[in-house]
Amino acid sequence: MSDLGTRAAVRDLYGAYARGDQARVALLLHEDIDWAIYSPVTVFPFAGARRGRAAVLEAMAAIAAVYEMETYKVEQTIIDGDRAAILADAGFKQRATGRLIRFRVAHFLRFNDGRLIEFREFADSFDLVEQAIGHTVDV
């Protein structure tokens, strides 16, 4: 995949996600996607590794059940062939408490035939946990 093709796929995917167009997001996921969100699953049960479109869509539905997206702004995008790195500023409202969770997140993606086949998400998970539970954690 060319840099231009990957850039178009990234724009399509992130645009659909920001609009809440889950049908379009699903179409852009490869059937055999390898997906991981690196955060503690005891606090964020939708985190961890998933394999296949159906499992990823279940994880995305689990996120939406607990959090409502408030803001999602891609700040930087780096493209190299079929791979992309994204830095974004995100804000989600915790449905149960109304608490706003704001964080910066890095995504590393790989595309195959215009569809996302590999996804890795990294954020400051310690900060995310403290925001999610509503207080600092003593260590």
Protein backbone atom coordinates (compact mmCIF):
# COMPACT_ATOMS: atom_id res chain seq x y z
CA MET A 1 0.00 0.00 0.00
CA SER A 2 1.35 3.44 -0.88
CA ASP A 3 1.75 6.30 1.57
CA LEU A 4 -1.17 8.07 -0.16
CA GLY A 5 -3.39 4.99 0.10
CA THR A 6 -2.53 4.56 3.78
CA ARG A 7 -3.16 8.26 4.46
CA ALA A 8 -6.59 7.99 2.80
CA ALA A 9 -7.41 4.85 4.83
CA VAL A 10 -6.38 6.59 8.07
CA ARG A 11 -8.53 9.63 7.27
CA ASP A 12 -11.49 7.42 6.41
CA LEU A 13 -11.13 5.30 9.57
CA TYR A 14 -10.59 8.17 12.02
CA GLY A 15 -13.26 10.31 10.36
CA ALA A 16 -15.80 7.49 10.69
CA TYR A 17 -14.79 6.89 14.31
CA ALA A 18 -15.07 10.59 15.22
CA ARG A 19 -18.53 10.77 13.58
CA GLY A 20 -19.68 7.65 15.42
CA ASP A 21 -20.20 5.83 12.11
CA GLN A 22 -19.74 2.31 13.46
CA ALA A 23 -20.95 0.70 10.22
CA ARG A 24 -18.17 2.42 8.28
CA VAL A 25 -15.59 1.57 10.95
CA ALA A 26 -16.63 -2.10 10.72
CA LEU A 27 -16.13 -2.09 6.95
CA LEU A 28 -12.61 -0.71 7.41
CA LEU A 29 -11.54 -3.51 9.77
CA HIS A 30 -9.85 -6.51 8.23
CA GLU A 31 -11.60 -9.80 9.01
CA ASP A 32 -8.42 -11.08 10.73
CA ILE A 33 -7.47 -7.89 12.60
CA ASP A 34 -4.92 -8.18 15.43
CA TRP A 35 -5.92 -5.54 18.03
CA ALA A 36 -4.54 -4.56 21.43
CA ILE A 37 -5.23 -1.76 23.89
CA TYR A 38 -2.55 -1.66 26.57
CA SER A 39 -4.37 -0.73 29.78
CA PRO A 40 -5.27 -2.68 32.93
CA VAL A 41 -8.22 -4.93 32.12
CA THR A 42 -9.40 -4.92 35.74
CA VAL A 43 -10.34 -1.24 35.29
CA PHE A 44 -10.94 -1.29 31.53
CA PRO A 45 -12.36 -4.74 30.68
CA PHE A 46 -12.51 -3.86 26.98
CA ALA A 47 -8.70 -3.46 26.92
CA GLY A 48 -6.26 -6.24 26.10
CA ALA A 49 -5.79 -8.29 22.96
CA ARG A 50 -8.52 -9.15 20.46
CA ARG A 51 -8.37 -11.12 17.24
CA GLY A 52 -10.86 -10.79 14.38
CA ARG A 53 -13.42 -8.19 13.36
CA ALA A 54 -16.21 -9.56 15.56
CA ALA A 55 -14.04 -9.46 18.71
CA VAL A 56 -12.88 -5.90 17.97
CA LEU A 57 -16.44 -4.71 17.36
CA GLU A 58 -17.45 -6.28 20.71
CA ALA A 59 -14.63 -4.38 22.44
CA MET A 60 -15.68 -1.14 20.74
CA ALA A 61 -19.29 -1.71 21.83
CA ALA A 62 -18.08 -2.31 25.39
CA ILE A 63 -16.20 1.00 25.33
CA ALA A 64 -19.31 2.81 24.05
CA ALA A 65 -21.45 1.21 26.77
CA VAL A 66 -19.24 2.70 29.51
CA TYR A 67 -17.91 5.89 27.87
CA GLU A 68 -19.35 8.51 25.56
CA MET A 69 -16.87 10.21 23.24
CA GLU A 70 -16.74 13.95 23.88
CA THR A 71 -13.71 14.92 21.79
CA TYR A 72 -11.27 13.13 19.55
CA LYS A 73 -8.65 15.14 17.72
CA VAL A 74 -5.83 13.62 15.72
CA GLU A 75 -2.81 15.85 16.33
CA GLN A 76 -0.07 14.06 14.41
CA THR A 77 0.01 11.39 11.74
CA ILE A 78 3.11 9.66 10.41
CA ILE A 79 2.77 7.36 7.40
CA ASP A 80 5.31 4.81 6.15
CA GLY A 81 4.00 2.50 3.44
CA ASP A 82 1.20 0.36 4.92
CA ARG A 83 1.89 1.61 8.47
CA ALA A 84 0.77 4.69 10.37
CA ALA A 85 1.40 6.24 13.78
CA ILE A 86 -1.19 8.57 15.28
CA LEU A 87 -1.06 10.89 18.27
CA ALA A 88 -4.48 12.08 19.39
CA ASP A 89 -6.10 14.07 22.17
CA ALA A 90 -9.20 12.28 23.46
CA GLY A 91 -11.96 13.05 25.91
CA PHE A 92 -14.60 10.56 27.03
CA LYS A 93 -17.43 10.97 29.52
CA GLN A 94 -17.88 8.10 31.94
CA ARG A 95 -21.58 7.29 31.63
CA ALA A 96 -22.05 6.09 35.23
CA THR A 97 -20.49 9.15 36.88
CA GLY A 98 -20.48 11.88 34.25
CA ARG A 99 -16.73 12.23 34.90
CA LEU A 100 -14.71 13.49 31.94
CA ILE A 101 -11.58 11.50 31.20
CA ARG A 102 -9.07 13.35 29.04
CA PHE A 103 -5.87 11.85 27.71
CA ARG A 104 -3.38 11.69 24.89
CA VAL A 105 -3.15 8.41 23.06
CA ALA A 106 -0.76 6.88 20.54
CA HIS A 107 -1.92 4.40 17.93
CA PHE A 108 0.23 2.24 15.70
CA LEU A 109 -1.60 0.79 12.71
CA ARG A 110 -0.96 -1.47 9.74
CA PHE A 111 -3.25 -1.74 6.72
CA ASN A 112 -3.81 -4.54 4.24
CA ASP A 113 -5.78 -3.80 1.06
CA GLY A 114 -7.15 -0.59 2.60
CA ARG A 115 -8.36 -2.28 5.79
CA LEU A 116 -6.92 -2.09 9.27
CA ILE A 117 -5.22 -5.41 10.06
CA GLU A 118 -3.09 -4.44 13.07
CA PHE A 119 -3.81 -1.92 15.85
CA ARG A 120 -1.91 -1.04 19.03
CA GLU A 121 -3.02 1.64 21.51
CA PHE A 122 -0.82 3.17 24.19
CA ALA A 123 -1.70 5.83 26.76
CA ASP A 124 -0.59 6.78 30.26
CA SER A 125 -2.63 4.01 31.85
CA PHE A 126 -1.79 5.07 35.42
CA ASP A 127 -3.31 8.49 34.74
CA LEU A 128 -6.30 6.87 33.02
CA VAL A 129 -6.97 4.63 36.02
CA GLU A 130 -6.86 7.58 38.42
CA GLN A 131 -9.26 9.54 36.23
CA ALA A 132 -11.60 6.55 35.84
CA ILE A 133 -11.80 5.79 39.56
CA GLY A 134 -11.90 9.47 40.54
CA HIS A 135 -8.95 9.67 42.91
CA THR A 136 -5.19 9.26 43.08
CA VAL A 137 -3.70 5.85 43.72
CA ASP A 138 -1.18 5.54 46.54
CA VAL A 139 1.79 3.40 45.65
